[in-house]
Amino acid sequence: MTTLSSKEKAALRNEAQKLKPAIHVGKRGLTPALLLELEKALSSDRLVKVAYKGTREEIGVLVEETSNKTAAICVGGVGKRRSFYRIEEA
């Protein structure tokens, strides 16, 4: 997976501030149906905001799992929301 520079991540975070969460991860975590919806959102928009429910530690684990299962990079977030970006493969 390609990495992003800090300037690119900052620009994406700035863009993501205007977004509303497209996906809400609840107490059941990352279900297959939720992952399918997230895949659809990343395919169409490439930058998606996700809202999580849980403690800081639980959210950290879910963010890592989300990134691994979707091949998307977490570009940042505040509180219980994180923004993911999928780099176009050439």
C-alpha atoms as a PDB file:
ATOM      1  CA  MET A   1       0.000   0.000   0.000  1.00  0.00           C
ATOM      2  CA  THR A   2       1.283   3.432  -0.909  1.00  0.00           C
ATOM      3  CA  THR A   3       1.704   5.967   1.876  1.00  0.00           C
ATOM      4  CA  LEU A   4       0.667   9.603   1.863  1.00  0.00           C
ATOM      5  CA  SER A   5       2.836  12.576   2.746  1.00  0.00           C
ATOM      6  CA  SER A   6       1.888  14.703   5.742  1.00  0.00           C
ATOM      7  CA  LYS A   7       0.776  17.504   3.387  1.00  0.00           C
ATOM      8  CA  GLU A   8      -1.507  15.121   1.498  1.00  0.00           C
ATOM      9  CA  LYS A   9      -2.997  13.825   4.762  1.00  0.00           C
ATOM     10  CA  ALA A  10      -3.545  17.400   5.981  1.00  0.00           C
ATOM     11  CA  ALA A  11      -5.379  18.287   2.759  1.00  0.00           C
ATOM     12  CA  LEU A  12      -7.558  15.173   3.083  1.00  0.00           C
ATOM     13  CA  ARG A  13      -8.324  15.940   6.754  1.00  0.00           C
ATOM     14  CA  ASN A  14      -9.342  19.457   5.727  1.00  0.00           C
ATOM     15  CA  GLU A  15     -11.654  18.054   3.050  1.00  0.00           C
ATOM     16  CA  ALA A  16     -13.075  15.462   5.463  1.00  0.00           C
ATOM     17  CA  GLN A  17     -14.100  18.145   7.976  1.00  0.00           C
ATOM     18  CA  LYS A  18     -16.998  19.016   5.681  1.00  0.00           C
ATOM     19  CA  LEU A  19     -18.220  15.409   5.462  1.00  0.00           C
ATOM     20  CA  LYS A  20     -20.866  13.733   7.559  1.00  0.00           C
ATOM     21  CA  PRO A  21     -20.184  10.135   8.648  1.00  0.00           C
ATOM     22  CA  ALA A  22     -21.198   7.776   5.843  1.00  0.00           C
ATOM     23  CA  ILE A  23     -20.828   4.659   8.003  1.00  0.00           C
ATOM     24  CA  HIS A  24     -21.673   4.112  11.675  1.00  0.00           C
ATOM     25  CA  VAL A  25     -19.891   1.217  13.398  1.00  0.00           C
ATOM     26  CA  GLY A  26     -21.936   0.111  16.392  1.00  0.00           C
ATOM     27  CA  LYS A  27     -21.491  -2.381  19.193  1.00  0.00           C
ATOM     28  CA  ARG A  28     -21.463  -5.334  16.760  1.00  0.00           C
ATOM     29  CA  GLY A  29     -18.265  -4.033  15.169  1.00  0.00           C
ATOM     30  CA  LEU A  30     -17.296  -4.635  11.561  1.00  0.00           C
ATOM     31  CA  THR A  31     -19.939  -6.976  10.221  1.00  0.00           C
ATOM     32  CA  PRO A  32     -19.746  -8.311   6.642  1.00  0.00           C
ATOM     33  CA  ALA A  33     -22.702  -6.109   5.639  1.00  0.00           C
ATOM     34  CA  LEU A  34     -21.048  -3.017   7.109  1.00  0.00           C
ATOM     35  CA  LEU A  35     -17.771  -3.807   5.324  1.00  0.00           C
ATOM     36  CA  LEU A  36     -19.674  -4.179   2.050  1.00  0.00           C
ATOM     37  CA  GLU A  37     -21.249  -0.742   2.496  1.00  0.00           C
ATOM     38  CA  LEU A  38     -17.879   0.758   3.386  1.00  0.00           C
ATOM     39  CA  GLU A  39     -16.353  -0.800   0.258  1.00  0.00           C
ATOM     40  CA  LYS A  40     -19.105   0.758  -1.857  1.00  0.00           C
ATOM     41  CA  ALA A  41     -18.577   4.164  -0.243  1.00  0.00           C
ATOM     42  CA  LEU A  42     -14.795   4.024  -0.722  1.00  0.00           C
ATOM     43  CA  SER A  43     -15.178   2.909  -4.341  1.00  0.00           C
ATOM     44  CA  SER A  44     -17.430   5.821  -5.200  1.00  0.00           C
ATOM     45  CA  ASP A  45     -16.022   8.616  -3.008  1.00  0.00           C
ATOM     46  CA  ARG A  46     -12.480   7.477  -2.002  1.00  0.00           C
ATOM     47  CA  LEU A  47     -12.694   9.711   1.129  1.00  0.00           C
ATOM     48  CA  VAL A  48     -15.175   8.484   3.741  1.00  0.00           C
ATOM     49  CA  LYS A  49     -15.853   9.477   7.331  1.00  0.00           C
ATOM     50  CA  VAL A  50     -16.724   6.678   9.753  1.00  0.00           C
ATOM     51  CA  ALA A  51     -18.283   7.086  13.216  1.00  0.00           C
ATOM     52  CA  TYR A  52     -17.434   4.505  15.878  1.00  0.00           C
ATOM     53  CA  LYS A  53     -19.108   3.558  19.139  1.00  0.00           C
ATOM     54  CA  GLY A  54     -16.961   2.378  22.042  1.00  0.00           C
ATOM     55  CA  THR A  55     -14.010   3.277  24.215  1.00  0.00           C
ATOM     56  CA  ARG A  56     -10.781   4.782  22.946  1.00  0.00           C
ATOM     57  CA  GLU A  57      -9.060   1.382  22.997  1.00  0.00           C
ATOM     58  CA  GLU A  58     -11.938  -0.341  21.170  1.00  0.00           C
ATOM     59  CA  ILE A  59     -11.992   2.390  18.541  1.00  0.00           C
ATOM     60  CA  GLY A  60      -8.233   2.035  18.031  1.00  0.00           C
ATOM     61  CA  VAL A  61      -8.617  -1.677  17.339  1.00  0.00           C
ATOM     62  CA  LEU A  62     -11.599  -1.088  15.020  1.00  0.00           C
ATOM     63  CA  VAL A  63      -9.739   1.620  13.081  1.00  0.00           C
ATOM     64  CA  GLU A  64      -6.790  -0.726  12.515  1.00  0.00           C
ATOM     65  CA  GLU A  65      -9.149  -3.526  11.481  1.00  0.00           C
ATOM     66  CA  THR A  66     -11.068  -1.197   9.136  1.00  0.00           C
ATOM     67  CA  SER A  67      -7.850  -0.078   7.499  1.00  0.00           C
ATOM     68  CA  ASN A  68      -6.626  -3.655   7.024  1.00  0.00           C
ATOM     69  CA  LYS A  69      -9.885  -5.046   5.656  1.00  0.00           C
ATOM     70  CA  THR A  70     -10.598  -2.199   3.215  1.00  0.00           C
ATOM     71  CA  ALA A  71      -7.078  -1.301   2.014  1.00  0.00           C
ATOM     72  CA  ALA A  72      -7.796   2.294   3.003  1.00  0.00           C
ATOM     73  CA  ILE A  73      -5.570   4.671   4.950  1.00  0.00           C
ATOM     74  CA  CYS A  74      -6.818   6.419   8.080  1.00  0.00           C
ATOM     75  CA  VAL A  75      -5.929  10.064   7.431  1.00  0.00           C
ATOM     76  CA  GLY A  76      -7.090  11.322  10.810  1.00  0.00           C
ATOM     77  CA  GLY A  77     -10.033  11.979  13.006  1.00  0.00           C
ATOM     78  CA  VAL A  78     -11.356  13.562  16.146  1.00  0.00           C
ATOM     79  CA  GLY A  79     -13.175  11.880  18.993  1.00  0.00           C
ATOM     80  CA  LYS A  80     -15.081   8.865  17.752  1.00  0.00           C
ATOM     81  CA  ARG A  81     -14.875   9.724  14.054  1.00  0.00           C
ATOM     82  CA  ARG A  82     -12.146   8.766  11.609  1.00  0.00           C
ATOM     83  CA  SER A  83     -11.634   9.537   7.937  1.00  0.00           C
ATOM     84  CA  PHE A  84     -10.406   6.897   5.512  1.00  0.00           C
ATOM     85  CA  TYR A  85      -8.934   7.407   2.064  1.00  0.00           C
ATOM     86  CA  ARG A  86      -8.359   4.788  -0.585  1.00  0.00           C
ATOM     87  CA  ILE A  87      -5.533   5.497  -3.013  1.00  0.00           C
ATOM     88  CA  GLU A  88      -6.330   4.730  -6.630  1.00  0.00           C
ATOM     89  CA  GLU A  89      -4.334   1.787  -7.870  1.00  0.00           C
ATOM     90  CA  ALA A  90      -2.761   2.431 -11.275  1.00  0.00           C
END
